[in-house]
Amino acid sequence: MTSRKTIKVAIALVVIGSAAAYLLYKAVQSSWAYYYPVDQLVETALAPGGESADRLVFTNRTIRLAGRVKPGSITPSDSAAGLDFELAGQRNSIRVTYHGPIPANFAADKELVVEGKLNSQGLFDAGKILTRCESKYKARKTE
């Protein structure tokens, strides 16, 4: 009888431990979003030649994409809150659709990181815009 009780307790602990590990994994998974420059994403996932393994790796997976907001590319989104713009690298650019509050320091020709997913049409659906506050990085003038 004691060995049966021990087995039941061991099985319960394994099940509870597995569930806790899975929930912990899912909780931190969003912070594990990969970080890519625009040029790398465009050249590997959007290169002409049809569907490829590289494109499938990027499609519908949360990633972070870094680049500059292309001047003259910012247009209001069809929805009430959000906008569309092009995020440019050194050689390539990609169209980004963003729905949400626009950061105060968002502007043309500013570096930023967008977090979201590349859709099947080759557009980047961003759920988050990460800008940096330049005043925090500039040296202060001392007199």
Foldseek 3Di string as FASTA:
>chain_A
DVVVVVVVVVVVVVVVVVVVVVVVCVVCVLVVAAEDEPVVCCVQQVDPDPDDPSVVVQAPGKHKYKAFFAPPFWDCDPDPAWIWTWGDDPPDIAIETEGDHDDPPDDHGFIWMFIAGQHPVRHGYGDDIGGDDVVVVDDDDDD
